[in-house]
Every structure is written in C-alpha cells, then in structure tokens.
Amino acid sequence: MFDLIYAGYEYYEEAKTRIKEKFPDAIIEDASDEIHEGRFSVKMDDKNEREYFKHLIREGFIKCSLDFNVKSMGNDKEEHGYLINIIREVKSESL
C-alpha cells in the first residue's frame, strides 16, 4: 500500500508520528517539493490498508490522504462500499 499525506507544515510531524506509532513497520519518507510542502509518503503491507484508513479517520487526518480521496472520487461502487464500511466501523466504535 502506498499513500501520500498532505499534512502541511502545521500537522506534518504530528501526522507522521501518529502513523508511525500505530504502524511501526511503515516506511515514511518526506515527499515535499517546491510545490507541495508538508507532504510525506507512507508505504506498508496491503493487508494494513483497512486499519490504516480507520486510524486516519480516528486521528482526523483522513482528508490529508491522497489514496483515500482518489478512491472516494472514483466510479467503482465496490470500492465506495468498502470505504463506507470503514467509516461506519469507526462511527460504531465511538457510540
């Protein structure tokens, strides 16, 4: 699984730290350039994707995830159902 997180300077370190705490085996690298500052990449085993998205939702960083946003804007109904179920799972945890 590969993702780009657009956290900006304000949340860059906090987002990296929280992801690394939950997923210590994740490879996190700075991906900032002249145009996109405060961006980093996350690489981890595909089997962690569902828990990764749930973690981003819980921590408030889901809107920073390029992978989640691209998947949610696509036309794949099965993928939309997958993402909706992840959101529902997180919501039910907080009840």
N, C-alpha and C. Protein backbone atom coordinates (compact mmCIF):
# COMPACT_ATOMS: atom_id res chain seq x y z
N MET A 1 0.84 -1.17 0.00
CA MET A 1 0.00 0.00 0.00
C MET A 1 0.89 1.23 0.00
N PHE A 2 0.51 2.21 -0.78
CA PHE A 2 1.26 3.47 -0.86
C PHE A 2 0.26 4.61 -0.72
N ASP A 3 0.65 5.61 0.05
CA ASP A 3 -0.20 6.79 0.21
C ASP A 3 0.68 8.02 0.30
N LEU A 4 0.12 9.13 -0.11
CA LEU A 4 0.75 10.44 0.12
C LEU A 4 -0.15 11.21 1.08
N ILE A 5 0.47 11.74 2.11
CA ILE A 5 -0.26 12.52 3.11
C ILE A 5 0.13 13.99 2.93
N TYR A 6 -0.85 14.82 2.67
CA TYR A 6 -0.67 16.26 2.51
C TYR A 6 -1.06 16.93 3.83
N ALA A 7 -0.15 16.95 4.77
CA ALA A 7 -0.45 17.45 6.11
C ALA A 7 -0.12 18.93 6.28
N GLY A 8 0.68 19.48 5.41
CA GLY A 8 1.11 20.87 5.58
C GLY A 8 2.08 20.98 6.75
N TYR A 9 2.66 22.13 6.91
CA TYR A 9 3.64 22.31 7.98
C TYR A 9 3.02 22.17 9.36
N GLU A 10 1.78 22.61 9.51
CA GLU A 10 1.15 22.63 10.82
C GLU A 10 1.00 21.24 11.43
N TYR A 11 0.67 20.22 10.61
CA TYR A 11 0.40 18.89 11.13
C TYR A 11 1.39 17.83 10.66
N TYR A 12 2.42 18.23 9.94
CA TYR A 12 3.38 17.30 9.33
C TYR A 12 3.97 16.33 10.35
N GLU A 13 4.61 16.84 11.38
CA GLU A 13 5.28 15.98 12.37
C GLU A 13 4.27 15.16 13.16
N GLU A 14 3.16 15.78 13.54
CA GLU A 14 2.14 15.08 14.32
C GLU A 14 1.56 13.91 13.53
N ALA A 15 1.24 14.13 12.27
CA ALA A 15 0.67 13.06 11.44
C ALA A 15 1.67 11.92 11.27
N LYS A 16 2.92 12.27 10.97
CA LYS A 16 3.96 11.23 10.82
C LYS A 16 4.10 10.41 12.09
N THR A 17 4.16 11.09 13.22
CA THR A 17 4.36 10.41 14.50
C THR A 17 3.20 9.48 14.81
N ARG A 18 1.99 9.94 14.62
CA ARG A 18 0.82 9.12 14.94
C ARG A 18 0.70 7.89 14.04
N ILE A 19 1.06 8.05 12.78
CA ILE A 19 1.03 6.90 11.87
C ILE A 19 2.13 5.91 12.26
N LYS A 20 3.31 6.41 12.55
CA LYS A 20 4.43 5.54 12.89
C LYS A 20 4.18 4.82 14.23
N GLU A 21 3.52 5.47 15.17
CA GLU A 21 3.20 4.82 16.45
C GLU A 21 2.26 3.63 16.24
N LYS A 22 1.28 3.80 15.38
CA LYS A 22 0.29 2.74 15.13
C LYS A 22 0.85 1.66 14.21
N PHE A 23 1.67 2.07 13.24
CA PHE A 23 2.22 1.14 12.24
C PHE A 23 3.74 1.27 12.22
N PRO A 24 4.42 0.69 13.20
CA PRO A 24 5.87 0.85 13.31
C PRO A 24 6.66 0.31 12.13
N ASP A 25 6.08 -0.63 11.38
CA ASP A 25 6.78 -1.18 10.22
C ASP A 25 6.60 -0.34 8.95
N ALA A 26 5.76 0.68 9.02
CA ALA A 26 5.52 1.54 7.85
C ALA A 26 6.80 2.31 7.50
N ILE A 27 7.01 2.47 6.23
CA ILE A 27 8.14 3.29 5.75
C ILE A 27 7.56 4.67 5.43
N ILE A 28 8.04 5.66 6.16
CA ILE A 28 7.55 7.02 6.00
C ILE A 28 8.71 7.89 5.53
N GLU A 29 8.51 8.57 4.41
CA GLU A 29 9.57 9.40 3.83
C GLU A 29 9.02 10.76 3.43
N ASP A 30 9.83 11.77 3.58
CA ASP A 30 9.44 13.11 3.15
C ASP A 30 9.22 13.09 1.64
N ALA A 31 8.14 13.68 1.19
CA ALA A 31 7.82 13.75 -0.24
C ALA A 31 7.54 15.19 -0.65
N SER A 32 8.02 16.13 0.13
CA SER A 32 7.81 17.54 -0.19
C SER A 32 8.65 17.94 -1.38
N ASP A 33 8.16 18.91 -2.11
CA ASP A 33 8.93 19.50 -3.20
C ASP A 33 8.63 20.99 -3.23
N GLU A 34 9.03 21.68 -4.29
CA GLU A 34 8.85 23.13 -4.36
C GLU A 34 7.38 23.54 -4.36
N ILE A 35 6.51 22.66 -4.84
CA ILE A 35 5.09 22.97 -4.94
C ILE A 35 4.30 22.42 -3.76
N HIS A 36 4.62 21.20 -3.34
CA HIS A 36 3.88 20.52 -2.28
C HIS A 36 4.75 20.41 -1.03
N GLU A 37 4.58 21.34 -0.15
CA GLU A 37 5.33 21.32 1.10
C GLU A 37 4.50 20.62 2.17
N GLY A 38 5.15 19.99 3.13
CA GLY A 38 4.43 19.31 4.19
C GLY A 38 3.77 18.02 3.73
N ARG A 39 4.41 17.34 2.78
CA ARG A 39 3.87 16.10 2.22
C ARG A 39 4.84 14.96 2.53
N PHE A 40 4.29 13.79 2.86
CA PHE A 40 5.15 12.62 3.05
C PHE A 40 4.45 11.38 2.52
N SER A 41 5.26 10.37 2.20
CA SER A 41 4.72 9.12 1.69
C SER A 41 4.69 8.08 2.80
N VAL A 42 3.74 7.16 2.67
CA VAL A 42 3.60 6.05 3.60
C VAL A 42 3.53 4.77 2.77
N LYS A 43 4.42 3.83 3.10
CA LYS A 43 4.42 2.53 2.43
C LYS A 43 4.30 1.46 3.50
N MET A 44 3.37 0.52 3.26
CA MET A 44 3.21 -0.60 4.19
C MET A 44 2.53 -1.75 3.46
N ASP A 45 2.46 -2.86 4.12
CA ASP A 45 1.83 -4.05 3.57
C ASP A 45 0.36 -3.76 3.26
N ASP A 46 -0.12 -4.24 2.12
CA ASP A 46 -1.50 -4.02 1.71
C ASP A 46 -2.52 -4.51 2.74
N LYS A 47 -2.17 -5.52 3.51
CA LYS A 47 -3.12 -6.08 4.48
C LYS A 47 -3.48 -5.08 5.58
N ASN A 48 -2.71 -4.01 5.72
CA ASN A 48 -2.97 -2.99 6.74
C ASN A 48 -3.85 -1.84 6.26
N GLU A 49 -4.26 -1.85 5.00
CA GLU A 49 -4.97 -0.70 4.44
C GLU A 49 -6.23 -0.34 5.23
N ARG A 50 -7.04 -1.32 5.55
CA ARG A 50 -8.30 -1.04 6.26
C ARG A 50 -8.03 -0.39 7.61
N GLU A 51 -7.11 -0.95 8.39
CA GLU A 51 -6.77 -0.38 9.70
C GLU A 51 -6.11 0.99 9.55
N TYR A 52 -5.35 1.15 8.49
CA TYR A 52 -4.69 2.44 8.22
C TYR A 52 -5.74 3.53 8.00
N PHE A 53 -6.71 3.27 7.13
CA PHE A 53 -7.75 4.26 6.88
C PHE A 53 -8.55 4.55 8.16
N LYS A 54 -8.87 3.50 8.92
CA LYS A 54 -9.59 3.69 10.18
C LYS A 54 -8.78 4.58 11.13
N HIS A 55 -7.49 4.35 11.18
CA HIS A 55 -6.62 5.15 12.04
C HIS A 55 -6.62 6.62 11.60
N LEU A 56 -6.53 6.85 10.30
CA LEU A 56 -6.55 8.23 9.79
C LEU A 56 -7.87 8.92 10.13
N ILE A 57 -8.97 8.19 10.05
CA ILE A 57 -10.27 8.76 10.40
C ILE A 57 -10.29 9.14 11.88
N ARG A 58 -9.87 8.20 12.73
CA ARG A 58 -9.88 8.44 14.18
C ARG A 58 -9.00 9.63 14.56
N GLU A 59 -7.86 9.76 13.89
CA GLU A 59 -6.90 10.80 14.23
C GLU A 59 -7.19 12.14 13.55
N GLY A 60 -8.14 12.15 12.62
CA GLY A 60 -8.52 13.39 11.95
C GLY A 60 -7.65 13.75 10.75
N PHE A 61 -6.96 12.76 10.19
CA PHE A 61 -6.08 13.03 9.05
C PHE A 61 -6.58 12.43 7.74
N ILE A 62 -7.81 11.93 7.71
CA ILE A 62 -8.29 11.24 6.51
C ILE A 62 -8.35 12.17 5.30
N LYS A 63 -8.67 13.44 5.49
CA LYS A 63 -8.73 14.38 4.36
C LYS A 63 -7.35 14.66 3.78
N CYS A 64 -6.30 14.33 4.52
CA CYS A 64 -4.93 14.54 4.06
C CYS A 64 -4.44 13.39 3.18
N SER A 65 -5.19 12.29 3.13
CA SER A 65 -4.77 11.09 2.41
C SER A 65 -5.15 11.15 0.94
N LEU A 66 -4.15 11.17 0.08
CA LEU A 66 -4.42 11.17 -1.36
C LEU A 66 -5.09 9.87 -1.78
N ASP A 67 -4.62 8.74 -1.27
CA ASP A 67 -5.17 7.44 -1.64
C ASP A 67 -6.66 7.36 -1.31
N PHE A 68 -7.05 7.74 -0.10
CA PHE A 68 -8.46 7.69 0.30
C PHE A 68 -9.29 8.63 -0.58
N ASN A 69 -8.80 9.82 -0.82
CA ASN A 69 -9.56 10.79 -1.61
C ASN A 69 -9.73 10.35 -3.06
N VAL A 70 -8.69 9.78 -3.65
CA VAL A 70 -8.79 9.31 -5.03
C VAL A 70 -9.80 8.16 -5.11
N LYS A 71 -9.71 7.22 -4.15
CA LYS A 71 -10.64 6.10 -4.16
C LYS A 71 -12.08 6.57 -3.95
N SER A 72 -12.28 7.55 -3.12
CA SER A 72 -13.64 8.01 -2.85
C SER A 72 -14.24 8.79 -4.02
N MET A 73 -13.41 9.33 -4.90
CA MET A 73 -13.92 10.09 -6.05
C MET A 73 -14.13 9.23 -7.28
N GLY A 74 -13.68 7.98 -7.24
CA GLY A 74 -13.81 7.11 -8.40
C GLY A 74 -15.23 6.64 -8.61
N ASN A 75 -15.42 5.86 -9.66
CA ASN A 75 -16.75 5.36 -10.02
C ASN A 75 -16.97 3.90 -9.61
N ASP A 76 -16.02 3.31 -8.91
CA ASP A 76 -16.11 1.91 -8.53
C ASP A 76 -17.03 1.74 -7.32
N LYS A 77 -18.22 1.18 -7.54
CA LYS A 77 -19.21 1.04 -6.48
C LYS A 77 -18.72 0.11 -5.38
N GLU A 78 -17.98 -0.91 -5.75
CA GLU A 78 -17.44 -1.84 -4.76
C GLU A 78 -16.44 -1.13 -3.84
N GLU A 79 -15.60 -0.30 -4.43
CA GLU A 79 -14.64 0.46 -3.63
C GLU A 79 -15.34 1.47 -2.74
N HIS A 80 -16.37 2.11 -3.24
CA HIS A 80 -17.15 3.05 -2.42
C HIS A 80 -17.76 2.33 -1.23
N GLY A 81 -18.31 1.14 -1.46
CA GLY A 81 -18.88 0.35 -0.38
C GLY A 81 -17.84 0.00 0.67
N TYR A 82 -16.64 -0.33 0.21
CA TYR A 82 -15.52 -0.64 1.10
C TYR A 82 -15.20 0.55 1.99
N LEU A 83 -15.10 1.73 1.41
CA LEU A 83 -14.79 2.94 2.17
C LEU A 83 -15.92 3.32 3.12
N ILE A 84 -17.15 3.19 2.67
CA ILE A 84 -18.31 3.49 3.52
C ILE A 84 -18.34 2.56 4.73
N ASN A 85 -18.03 1.29 4.51
CA ASN A 85 -18.00 0.33 5.63
C ASN A 85 -16.91 0.69 6.64
N ILE A 86 -15.77 1.16 6.17
CA ILE A 86 -14.70 1.58 7.08
C ILE A 86 -15.18 2.76 7.93
N ILE A 87 -15.82 3.72 7.31
CA ILE A 87 -16.33 4.88 8.03
C ILE A 87 -17.39 4.45 9.05
N ARG A 88 -18.26 3.55 8.65
CA ARG A 88 -19.30 3.06 9.57
C ARG A 88 -18.68 2.33 10.77
N GLU A 89 -17.65 1.54 10.51
CA GLU A 89 -16.98 0.83 11.60
C GLU A 89 -16.42 1.81 12.64
N VAL A 90 -15.78 2.86 12.16
CA VAL A 90 -15.21 3.86 13.07
C VAL A 90 -16.33 4.56 13.84
N LYS A 91 -17.40 4.91 13.14
CA LYS A 91 -18.52 5.58 13.81
C LYS A 91 -19.12 4.67 14.89
N SER A 92 -19.26 3.38 14.60
CA SER A 92 -19.87 2.48 15.58
C SER A 92 -18.96 2.27 16.80
N GLU A 93 -17.65 2.42 16.63
CA GLU A 93 -16.71 2.30 17.74
C GLU A 93 -16.90 3.44 18.74
N SER A 94 -17.32 4.58 18.24
CA SER A 94 -17.42 5.76 19.10
C SER A 94 -18.79 5.89 19.80
N LEU A 95 -19.69 4.99 19.49
CA LEU A 95 -21.02 5.04 20.12
C LEU A 95 -21.03 4.38 21.48
